[in-house]
Amino acid sequence: MPITNNKQQGMALIMSLVMVVIIAMIGIAIAQQVTSGRKSSAVHQDHSMSFSRATSGVHEAEFVVRQQAYHTDALLNPDTPNNLVTPAFTKIEGGITVSDDEWWQNDGNWVAANKVTVVSDAGGNALAGQPSYIIEDGGVDSGLVLGVKVPKRRFLRITSKAEGEGGAITYLQSYVAFME
């Protein structure tokens, strides 16, 4: 069997290097996608936890409203001493005082409001995420029926704020009405 001298053209080497580069690029893309998915799920978890905590604040405030609505102390009446209700937040626009429906977006209002209640467990310990709420007076509706004694409805707006991990903050509002 004679020995022949074949010259190597190098095409197999070039093709294998191209395949290695393509596989490396696909691997990097998959790694980036997995990392992005993990970050996205972590952010979703943070927001989900803060929402759950804000919900606990709303539930606590609604429980207090149900408990105090017809109590003899009338702690939901803004005119009663030591009440639980904050007067409606207002702002001045064009020289006129109007209702401020976006007061909760300003952290200074949460600090300045003296009726902020921090939700705690049965032992009095603050909960994770520091859920807190404010019960805001929404006024009284005496109805539109003239000449008939109709019970008045008092409206309250409950605003709850809670934090999640990673800086996620959730604000949640609920409206409650009860007859006076």
N, C-alpha and C. Protein backbone atom coordinates (compact mmCIF):
# COMPACT_ATOMS: atom_id res chain seq x y z
N MET A 1 0.84 -1.14 0.00
CA MET A 1 0.00 0.00 0.00
C MET A 1 0.90 1.23 0.00
N PRO A 2 0.81 1.96 -1.04
CA PRO A 2 1.69 3.12 -1.16
C PRO A 2 1.18 4.28 -0.30
N ILE A 3 2.06 5.04 0.24
CA ILE A 3 1.73 6.21 1.05
C ILE A 3 1.61 7.39 0.10
N THR A 4 0.43 8.04 0.22
CA THR A 4 0.21 9.21 -0.64
C THR A 4 0.24 10.47 0.23
N ASN A 5 0.63 11.50 -0.34
CA ASN A 5 0.74 12.77 0.36
C ASN A 5 -0.42 13.67 -0.08
N ASN A 6 -1.51 13.72 0.75
CA ASN A 6 -2.66 14.60 0.44
C ASN A 6 -2.47 15.92 1.18
N LYS A 7 -2.70 16.98 0.46
CA LYS A 7 -2.59 18.29 1.09
C LYS A 7 -3.90 18.63 1.82
N GLN A 8 -3.76 19.05 3.05
CA GLN A 8 -4.93 19.45 3.85
C GLN A 8 -5.38 20.82 3.39
N GLN A 9 -6.68 20.94 3.05
CA GLN A 9 -7.23 22.21 2.58
C GLN A 9 -7.65 23.11 3.75
N GLY A 10 -7.96 22.57 4.93
CA GLY A 10 -8.33 23.38 6.11
C GLY A 10 -9.81 23.69 6.21
N MET A 11 -10.61 23.17 5.31
CA MET A 11 -12.03 23.47 5.33
C MET A 11 -12.71 22.87 6.57
N ALA A 12 -12.32 21.70 6.99
CA ALA A 12 -12.92 21.08 8.17
C ALA A 12 -12.62 21.89 9.42
N LEU A 13 -11.43 22.43 9.51
CA LEU A 13 -11.05 23.25 10.66
C LEU A 13 -11.88 24.53 10.70
N ILE A 14 -12.04 25.18 9.58
CA ILE A 14 -12.81 26.43 9.51
C ILE A 14 -14.27 26.15 9.88
N MET A 15 -14.85 25.08 9.36
CA MET A 15 -16.25 24.75 9.65
C MET A 15 -16.44 24.42 11.13
N SER A 16 -15.51 23.72 11.71
CA SER A 16 -15.65 23.39 13.13
C SER A 16 -15.53 24.64 14.00
N LEU A 17 -14.67 25.59 13.62
CA LEU A 17 -14.57 26.85 14.37
C LEU A 17 -15.84 27.68 14.22
N VAL A 18 -16.43 27.71 13.04
CA VAL A 18 -17.69 28.43 12.83
C VAL A 18 -18.79 27.79 13.69
N MET A 19 -18.84 26.48 13.75
CA MET A 19 -19.85 25.79 14.56
C MET A 19 -19.65 26.09 16.05
N VAL A 20 -18.42 26.16 16.51
CA VAL A 20 -18.14 26.49 17.91
C VAL A 20 -18.62 27.91 18.22
N VAL A 21 -18.38 28.84 17.30
CA VAL A 21 -18.82 30.24 17.50
C VAL A 21 -20.34 30.30 17.55
N ILE A 22 -21.02 29.60 16.65
CA ILE A 22 -22.49 29.61 16.63
C ILE A 22 -23.04 29.01 17.92
N ILE A 23 -22.51 27.91 18.36
CA ILE A 23 -22.98 27.27 19.60
C ILE A 23 -22.71 28.18 20.80
N ALA A 24 -21.58 28.87 20.82
CA ALA A 24 -21.27 29.79 21.92
C ALA A 24 -22.27 30.95 21.93
N MET A 25 -22.61 31.49 20.75
CA MET A 25 -23.58 32.59 20.68
C MET A 25 -24.95 32.14 21.17
N ILE A 26 -25.37 30.94 20.78
CA ILE A 26 -26.65 30.41 21.25
C ILE A 26 -26.62 30.22 22.76
N GLY A 27 -25.53 29.73 23.30
CA GLY A 27 -25.39 29.54 24.75
C GLY A 27 -25.46 30.85 25.50
N ILE A 28 -24.81 31.89 24.97
CA ILE A 28 -24.85 33.21 25.62
C ILE A 28 -26.26 33.76 25.59
N ALA A 29 -26.96 33.62 24.46
CA ALA A 29 -28.34 34.11 24.35
C ALA A 29 -29.25 33.40 25.35
N ILE A 30 -29.09 32.11 25.49
CA ILE A 30 -29.92 31.35 26.44
C ILE A 30 -29.60 31.79 27.88
N ALA A 31 -28.34 32.00 28.19
CA ALA A 31 -27.96 32.44 29.53
C ALA A 31 -28.55 33.82 29.84
N GLN A 32 -28.54 34.73 28.86
CA GLN A 32 -29.13 36.05 29.06
C GLN A 32 -30.64 35.96 29.26
N GLN A 33 -31.28 35.07 28.52
CA GLN A 33 -32.72 34.90 28.65
C GLN A 33 -33.08 34.34 30.03
N VAL A 34 -32.32 33.40 30.52
CA VAL A 34 -32.57 32.83 31.85
C VAL A 34 -32.36 33.90 32.92
N THR A 35 -31.30 34.68 32.79
CA THR A 35 -31.03 35.75 33.76
C THR A 35 -32.15 36.78 33.75
N SER A 36 -32.60 37.16 32.57
CA SER A 36 -33.70 38.12 32.46
C SER A 36 -34.98 37.57 33.07
N GLY A 37 -35.25 36.30 32.84
CA GLY A 37 -36.43 35.67 33.44
C GLY A 37 -36.38 35.64 34.94
N ARG A 38 -35.20 35.38 35.48
CA ARG A 38 -35.05 35.38 36.94
C ARG A 38 -35.27 36.77 37.52
N LYS A 39 -34.71 37.79 36.86
CA LYS A 39 -34.91 39.16 37.34
C LYS A 39 -36.38 39.54 37.27
N SER A 40 -37.03 39.18 36.18
CA SER A 40 -38.45 39.49 36.01
C SER A 40 -39.29 38.80 37.07
N SER A 41 -39.01 37.56 37.36
CA SER A 41 -39.79 36.86 38.38
C SER A 41 -39.51 37.41 39.77
N ALA A 42 -38.29 37.88 40.01
CA ALA A 42 -37.97 38.48 41.31
C ALA A 42 -38.73 39.80 41.48
N VAL A 43 -38.80 40.61 40.42
CA VAL A 43 -39.55 41.87 40.49
C VAL A 43 -41.03 41.57 40.71
N HIS A 44 -41.55 40.58 39.99
CA HIS A 44 -42.96 40.20 40.16
C HIS A 44 -43.21 39.74 41.60
N GLN A 45 -42.31 38.99 42.15
CA GLN A 45 -42.45 38.52 43.54
C GLN A 45 -42.45 39.70 44.51
N ASP A 46 -41.56 40.68 44.27
CA ASP A 46 -41.51 41.86 45.14
C ASP A 46 -42.82 42.63 45.11
N HIS A 47 -43.34 42.86 43.90
CA HIS A 47 -44.60 43.60 43.77
C HIS A 47 -45.78 42.80 44.32
N SER A 48 -45.75 41.50 44.14
CA SER A 48 -46.81 40.65 44.67
C SER A 48 -46.83 40.69 46.19
N MET A 49 -45.66 40.67 46.80
CA MET A 49 -45.58 40.74 48.27
C MET A 49 -46.06 42.09 48.78
N SER A 50 -45.66 43.18 48.12
CA SER A 50 -46.10 44.50 48.58
C SER A 50 -47.61 44.64 48.41
N PHE A 51 -48.18 44.08 47.32
CA PHE A 51 -49.63 44.13 47.13
C PHE A 51 -50.34 43.33 48.22
N SER A 52 -49.82 42.17 48.54
CA SER A 52 -50.41 41.35 49.59
C SER A 52 -50.38 42.08 50.93
N ARG A 53 -49.29 42.75 51.20
CA ARG A 53 -49.16 43.49 52.46
C ARG A 53 -50.10 44.69 52.49
N ALA A 54 -50.24 45.39 51.36
CA ALA A 54 -51.18 46.52 51.30
C ALA A 54 -52.61 46.03 51.47
N THR A 55 -52.91 44.86 50.93
CA THR A 55 -54.24 44.28 51.10
C THR A 55 -54.52 44.00 52.57
N SER A 56 -53.51 43.55 53.31
CA SER A 56 -53.72 43.31 54.74
C SER A 56 -54.02 44.62 55.46
N GLY A 57 -53.42 45.72 55.01
CA GLY A 57 -53.72 47.03 55.59
C GLY A 57 -55.16 47.45 55.33
N VAL A 58 -55.64 47.23 54.10
CA VAL A 58 -57.03 47.57 53.77
C VAL A 58 -57.99 46.70 54.58
N HIS A 59 -57.70 45.40 54.68
CA HIS A 59 -58.58 44.51 55.45
C HIS A 59 -58.63 44.92 56.92
N GLU A 60 -57.50 45.30 57.47
CA GLU A 60 -57.47 45.74 58.87
C GLU A 60 -58.31 47.00 59.04
N ALA A 61 -58.16 47.96 58.13
CA ALA A 61 -58.93 49.21 58.23
C ALA A 61 -60.42 48.95 58.06
N GLU A 62 -60.79 48.07 57.12
CA GLU A 62 -62.21 47.74 56.94
C GLU A 62 -62.77 47.05 58.18
N PHE A 63 -61.96 46.23 58.83
CA PHE A 63 -62.39 45.60 60.08
C PHE A 63 -62.64 46.66 61.15
N VAL A 64 -61.74 47.63 61.25
CA VAL A 64 -61.89 48.72 62.22
C VAL A 64 -63.16 49.51 61.92
N VAL A 65 -63.41 49.78 60.64
CA VAL A 65 -64.62 50.53 60.27
C VAL A 65 -65.87 49.73 60.65
N ARG A 66 -65.90 48.44 60.33
CA ARG A 66 -67.06 47.61 60.71
C ARG A 66 -67.24 47.57 62.23
N GLN A 67 -66.13 47.52 62.94
CA GLN A 67 -66.17 47.45 64.39
C GLN A 67 -66.65 48.77 65.00
N GLN A 68 -66.23 49.89 64.43
CA GLN A 68 -66.51 51.20 65.01
C GLN A 68 -67.71 51.92 64.40
N ALA A 69 -68.29 51.39 63.32
CA ALA A 69 -69.33 52.11 62.59
C ALA A 69 -70.50 52.51 63.49
N TYR A 70 -70.95 51.63 64.34
CA TYR A 70 -72.11 51.93 65.18
C TYR A 70 -71.76 51.88 66.66
N HIS A 71 -70.49 52.09 66.95
CA HIS A 71 -70.03 52.09 68.34
C HIS A 71 -70.44 53.39 69.01
N THR A 72 -70.66 53.35 70.30
CA THR A 72 -71.12 54.54 71.02
C THR A 72 -70.08 55.65 71.05
N ASP A 73 -68.80 55.32 70.92
CA ASP A 73 -67.75 56.35 70.93
C ASP A 73 -67.73 57.15 69.64
N ALA A 74 -68.32 56.64 68.57
CA ALA A 74 -68.39 57.31 67.27
C ALA A 74 -67.00 57.76 66.80
N LEU A 75 -66.04 56.85 66.82
CA LEU A 75 -64.67 57.19 66.44
C LEU A 75 -64.50 57.40 64.94
N LEU A 76 -65.54 57.14 64.15
CA LEU A 76 -65.46 57.39 62.71
C LEU A 76 -66.05 58.74 62.33
N ASN A 77 -66.54 59.47 63.31
CA ASN A 77 -67.06 60.82 63.07
C ASN A 77 -65.92 61.81 63.26
N PRO A 78 -65.58 62.59 62.23
CA PRO A 78 -64.44 63.52 62.36
C PRO A 78 -64.62 64.57 63.45
N ASP A 79 -65.87 64.80 63.89
CA ASP A 79 -66.11 65.81 64.91
C ASP A 79 -65.91 65.29 66.33
N THR A 80 -65.71 63.98 66.48
CA THR A 80 -65.52 63.37 67.78
C THR A 80 -64.05 63.47 68.21
N PRO A 81 -63.79 63.81 69.48
CA PRO A 81 -62.39 63.83 69.92
C PRO A 81 -61.76 62.44 69.81
N ASN A 82 -60.47 62.40 69.56
CA ASN A 82 -59.71 61.15 69.43
C ASN A 82 -60.28 60.21 68.37
N ASN A 83 -60.79 60.78 67.29
CA ASN A 83 -61.38 59.94 66.24
C ASN A 83 -60.29 59.28 65.41
N LEU A 84 -60.69 58.34 64.57
CA LEU A 84 -59.75 57.59 63.73
C LEU A 84 -59.68 58.13 62.30
N VAL A 85 -60.42 59.20 62.02
CA VAL A 85 -60.59 59.67 60.65
C VAL A 85 -59.78 60.93 60.40
N THR A 86 -59.07 60.93 59.28
CA THR A 86 -58.33 62.10 58.84
C THR A 86 -59.25 62.96 57.97
N PRO A 87 -59.24 64.28 58.15
CA PRO A 87 -60.04 65.11 57.24
C PRO A 87 -59.55 64.92 55.80
N ALA A 88 -60.42 65.17 54.86
CA ALA A 88 -60.06 65.01 53.44
C ALA A 88 -58.87 65.91 53.12
N PHE A 89 -57.91 65.38 52.38
CA PHE A 89 -56.75 66.17 51.97
C PHE A 89 -57.17 67.15 50.89
N THR A 90 -56.65 68.36 50.98
CA THR A 90 -56.99 69.40 50.00
C THR A 90 -55.73 70.04 49.47
N LYS A 91 -55.89 70.72 48.35
CA LYS A 91 -54.81 71.51 47.77
C LYS A 91 -55.43 72.76 47.17
N ILE A 92 -54.59 73.73 46.87
CA ILE A 92 -55.08 74.99 46.30
C ILE A 92 -54.72 75.04 44.83
N GLU A 93 -55.74 75.20 43.99
CA GLU A 93 -55.54 75.34 42.54
C GLU A 93 -56.22 76.62 42.09
N GLY A 94 -55.45 77.54 41.58
CA GLY A 94 -56.02 78.80 41.10
C GLY A 94 -56.70 79.60 42.18
N GLY A 95 -56.20 79.52 43.40
CA GLY A 95 -56.77 80.27 44.51
C GLY A 95 -57.98 79.60 45.14
N ILE A 96 -58.35 78.41 44.66
CA ILE A 96 -59.52 77.70 45.18
C ILE A 96 -59.05 76.41 45.86
N THR A 97 -59.60 76.13 47.02
CA THR A 97 -59.28 74.89 47.72
C THR A 97 -60.12 73.76 47.13
N VAL A 98 -59.43 72.73 46.64
CA VAL A 98 -60.11 71.57 46.04
C VAL A 98 -59.59 70.29 46.69
N SER A 99 -60.34 69.23 46.51
CA SER A 99 -59.94 67.93 47.05
C SER A 99 -58.67 67.44 46.35
N ASP A 100 -57.75 66.92 47.12
CA ASP A 100 -56.50 66.39 46.58
C ASP A 100 -56.59 64.87 46.53
N ASP A 101 -56.93 64.35 45.35
CA ASP A 101 -57.10 62.91 45.21
C ASP A 101 -55.78 62.18 45.02
N GLU A 102 -54.69 62.90 44.90
CA GLU A 102 -53.38 62.28 44.69
C GLU A 102 -52.44 62.53 45.87
N TRP A 103 -53.00 62.83 47.03
CA TRP A 103 -52.18 63.16 48.20
C TRP A 103 -51.28 62.00 48.60
N TRP A 104 -51.74 60.77 48.39
CA TRP A 104 -51.03 59.58 48.84
C TRP A 104 -49.73 59.36 48.08
N GLN A 105 -49.55 60.04 46.94
CA GLN A 105 -48.32 59.89 46.16
C GLN A 105 -47.16 60.67 46.77
N ASN A 106 -47.44 61.56 47.69
CA ASN A 106 -46.42 62.38 48.33
C ASN A 106 -46.08 61.76 49.69
N ASP A 107 -44.84 61.29 49.84
CA ASP A 107 -44.43 60.65 51.09
C ASP A 107 -44.54 61.59 52.28
N GLY A 108 -44.40 62.89 52.05
CA GLY A 108 -44.51 63.86 53.13
C GLY A 108 -45.88 63.85 53.78
N ASN A 109 -46.93 63.57 52.99
CA ASN A 109 -48.28 63.51 53.56
C ASN A 109 -48.44 62.31 54.48
N TRP A 110 -47.76 61.21 54.17
CA TRP A 110 -47.83 60.04 55.05
C TRP A 110 -47.12 60.32 56.37
N VAL A 111 -46.07 61.10 56.32
CA VAL A 111 -45.34 61.43 57.54
C VAL A 111 -46.12 62.46 58.35
N ALA A 112 -46.72 63.45 57.66
CA ALA A 112 -47.41 64.54 58.35
C ALA A 112 -48.77 64.13 58.91
N ALA A 113 -49.41 63.14 58.30
CA ALA A 113 -50.75 62.74 58.76
C ALA A 113 -50.65 62.10 60.14
N ASN A 114 -51.39 62.64 61.08
CA ASN A 114 -51.30 62.12 62.45
C ASN A 114 -52.22 60.93 62.69
N LYS A 115 -52.97 60.52 61.69
CA LYS A 115 -53.90 59.40 61.85
C LYS A 115 -53.43 58.14 61.13
N VAL A 116 -52.16 58.08 60.77
CA VAL A 116 -51.63 56.88 60.11
C VAL A 116 -51.57 55.76 61.13
N THR A 117 -52.10 54.61 60.77
CA THR A 117 -52.09 53.44 61.63
C THR A 117 -51.22 52.37 61.00
N VAL A 118 -50.24 51.89 61.73
CA VAL A 118 -49.37 50.82 61.25
C VAL A 118 -49.98 49.49 61.69
N VAL A 119 -50.13 48.58 60.74
CA VAL A 119 -50.73 47.28 61.03
C VAL A 119 -49.72 46.43 61.78
N SER A 120 -50.18 45.78 62.85
CA SER A 120 -49.30 44.92 63.64
C SER A 120 -49.99 43.59 63.89
N ASP A 121 -49.21 42.63 64.36
CA ASP A 121 -49.78 41.32 64.67
C ASP A 121 -50.42 41.35 66.06
N ALA A 122 -50.90 40.21 66.51
CA ALA A 122 -51.60 40.14 67.80
C ALA A 122 -50.69 40.53 68.97
N GLY A 123 -49.38 40.34 68.82
CA GLY A 123 -48.44 40.70 69.87
C GLY A 123 -48.01 42.15 69.83
N GLY A 124 -48.50 42.91 68.85
CA GLY A 124 -48.13 44.32 68.72
C GLY A 124 -46.88 44.55 67.91
N ASN A 125 -46.34 43.50 67.30
CA ASN A 125 -45.13 43.64 66.49
C ASN A 125 -45.49 44.09 65.08
N ALA A 126 -44.68 44.99 64.53
CA ALA A 126 -44.93 45.47 63.17
C ALA A 126 -44.74 44.33 62.18
N LEU A 127 -45.57 44.32 61.16
CA LEU A 127 -45.49 43.29 60.13
C LEU A 127 -44.40 43.63 59.12
N ALA A 128 -43.95 42.62 58.39
CA ALA A 128 -42.97 42.84 57.33
C ALA A 128 -43.59 43.75 56.27
N GLY A 129 -42.80 44.66 55.75
CA GLY A 129 -43.30 45.58 54.73
C GLY A 129 -44.01 46.79 55.30
N GLN A 130 -44.17 46.84 56.60
CA GLN A 130 -44.78 47.95 57.31
C GLN A 130 -46.08 48.43 56.68
N PRO A 131 -47.09 47.54 56.55
CA PRO A 131 -48.36 48.03 56.01
C PRO A 131 -48.99 49.04 56.95
N SER A 132 -49.46 50.13 56.39
CA SER A 132 -50.10 51.17 57.19
C SER A 132 -51.31 51.68 56.41
N TYR A 133 -52.21 52.35 57.11
CA TYR A 133 -53.40 52.86 56.43
C TYR A 133 -53.84 54.16 57.06
N ILE A 134 -54.60 54.90 56.26
CA ILE A 134 -55.24 56.14 56.70
C ILE A 134 -56.71 56.03 56.34
N ILE A 135 -57.58 56.35 57.28
CA ILE A 135 -59.02 56.41 57.00
C ILE A 135 -59.35 57.89 56.80
N GLU A 136 -59.77 58.22 55.60
CA GLU A 136 -60.02 59.62 55.22
C GLU A 136 -61.52 59.88 55.14
N ASP A 137 -61.94 61.01 55.67
CA ASP A 137 -63.35 61.37 55.64
C ASP A 137 -63.77 61.69 54.21
N GLY A 138 -64.86 61.06 53.78
CA GLY A 138 -65.39 61.31 52.44
C GLY A 138 -66.67 62.12 52.47
N GLY A 139 -67.08 62.55 53.65
CA GLY A 139 -68.29 63.36 53.75
C GLY A 139 -69.53 62.54 54.04
N VAL A 140 -70.65 63.25 54.15
CA VAL A 140 -71.93 62.63 54.45
C VAL A 140 -72.90 62.95 53.33
N ASP A 141 -73.65 61.94 52.91
CA ASP A 141 -74.68 62.11 51.89
C ASP A 141 -76.02 61.98 52.57
N SER A 142 -76.80 63.06 52.56
CA SER A 142 -78.11 63.02 53.22
C SER A 142 -79.21 62.57 52.28
N GLY A 143 -78.87 62.31 51.02
CA GLY A 143 -79.86 61.82 50.07
C GLY A 143 -80.54 62.96 49.32
N LEU A 144 -81.30 62.59 48.32
CA LEU A 144 -81.98 63.58 47.49
C LEU A 144 -83.49 63.60 47.71
N VAL A 145 -83.98 62.77 48.60
CA VAL A 145 -85.42 62.70 48.84
C VAL A 145 -85.80 63.83 49.79
N LEU A 146 -86.68 64.72 49.34
CA LEU A 146 -87.11 65.84 50.17
C LEU A 146 -88.35 65.46 50.96
N GLY A 147 -88.42 65.90 52.19
CA GLY A 147 -89.59 65.68 53.01
C GLY A 147 -89.63 64.32 53.68
N VAL A 148 -88.67 63.47 53.43
CA VAL A 148 -88.64 62.15 54.03
C VAL A 148 -87.35 62.02 54.84
N LYS A 149 -87.47 61.53 56.05
CA LYS A 149 -86.29 61.35 56.90
C LYS A 149 -85.55 60.09 56.45
N VAL A 150 -84.46 60.28 55.74
CA VAL A 150 -83.66 59.17 55.23
C VAL A 150 -82.36 59.13 56.02
N PRO A 151 -81.91 57.93 56.42
CA PRO A 151 -80.62 57.87 57.13
C PRO A 151 -79.48 58.42 56.27
N LYS A 152 -78.58 59.10 56.92
CA LYS A 152 -77.42 59.67 56.20
C LYS A 152 -76.37 58.59 56.01
N ARG A 153 -75.66 58.69 54.91
CA ARG A 153 -74.55 57.77 54.65
C ARG A 153 -73.24 58.52 54.82
N ARG A 154 -72.35 57.96 55.62
CA ARG A 154 -71.00 58.53 55.77
C ARG A 154 -70.06 57.71 54.90
N PHE A 155 -69.28 58.43 54.09
CA PHE A 155 -68.33 57.78 53.20
C PHE A 155 -66.92 57.93 53.77
N LEU A 156 -66.16 56.86 53.68
CA LEU A 156 -64.77 56.86 54.12
C LEU A 156 -63.91 56.30 53.00
N ARG A 157 -62.74 56.88 52.82
CA ARG A 157 -61.77 56.34 51.87
C ARG A 157 -60.60 55.80 52.67
N ILE A 158 -60.32 54.53 52.46
CA ILE A 158 -59.20 53.88 53.14
C ILE A 158 -58.05 53.78 52.14
N THR A 159 -56.89 54.28 52.53
CA THR A 159 -55.71 54.18 51.69
C THR A 159 -54.65 53.42 52.47
N SER A 160 -54.16 52.35 51.87
CA SER A 160 -53.15 51.51 52.51
C SER A 160 -51.86 51.58 51.71
N LYS A 161 -50.75 51.54 52.42
CA LYS A 161 -49.43 51.60 51.80
C LYS A 161 -48.59 50.48 52.40
N ALA A 162 -47.87 49.76 51.55
CA ALA A 162 -46.99 48.70 52.04
C ALA A 162 -45.79 48.58 51.13
N GLU A 163 -44.70 48.09 51.69
CA GLU A 163 -43.46 47.93 50.93
C GLU A 163 -43.18 46.45 50.71
N GLY A 164 -42.54 46.17 49.58
CA GLY A 164 -42.06 44.83 49.30
C GLY A 164 -40.54 44.86 49.33
N GLU A 165 -39.95 43.76 48.99
CA GLU A 165 -38.49 43.72 48.91
C GLU A 165 -38.07 44.46 47.65
N GLY A 166 -36.86 44.97 47.62
CA GLY A 166 -36.34 45.60 46.42
C GLY A 166 -36.96 46.95 46.10
N GLY A 167 -37.58 47.60 47.07
CA GLY A 167 -38.12 48.94 46.85
C GLY A 167 -39.51 48.98 46.25
N ALA A 168 -40.19 47.86 46.12
CA ALA A 168 -41.55 47.85 45.58
C ALA A 168 -42.51 48.42 46.62
N ILE A 169 -43.33 49.39 46.21
CA ILE A 169 -44.31 50.00 47.10
C ILE A 169 -45.67 49.91 46.43
N THR A 170 -46.68 49.51 47.20
CA THR A 170 -48.04 49.42 46.68
C THR A 170 -48.95 50.31 47.50
N TYR A 171 -49.77 51.08 46.80
CA TYR A 171 -50.83 51.87 47.42
C TYR A 171 -52.15 51.24 46.99
N LEU A 172 -53.06 51.05 47.93
CA LEU A 172 -54.33 50.42 47.63
C LEU A 172 -55.42 51.22 48.32
N GLN A 173 -56.51 51.52 47.59
CA GLN A 173 -57.60 52.30 48.17
C GLN A 173 -58.89 51.51 48.15
N SER A 174 -59.71 51.77 49.16
CA SER A 174 -61.01 51.14 49.28
C SER A 174 -61.99 52.20 49.79
N TYR A 175 -63.20 52.16 49.29
CA TYR A 175 -64.23 53.09 49.74
C TYR A 175 -65.27 52.32 50.55
N VAL A 176 -65.68 52.91 51.67
CA VAL A 176 -66.64 52.28 52.57
C VAL A 176 -67.72 53.30 52.88
N ALA A 177 -68.96 52.84 52.93
CA ALA A 177 -70.07 53.70 53.33
C ALA A 177 -70.88 52.97 54.40
N PHE A 178 -71.37 53.72 55.37
CA PHE A 178 -72.26 53.14 56.38
C PHE A 178 -73.30 54.18 56.76
N MET A 179 -74.42 53.70 57.25
CA MET A 179 -75.53 54.59 57.60
C MET A 179 -75.31 55.18 58.98
N GLU A 180 -75.67 56.44 59.11
CA GLU A 180 -75.57 57.11 60.41
C GLU A 180 -76.94 57.26 61.02
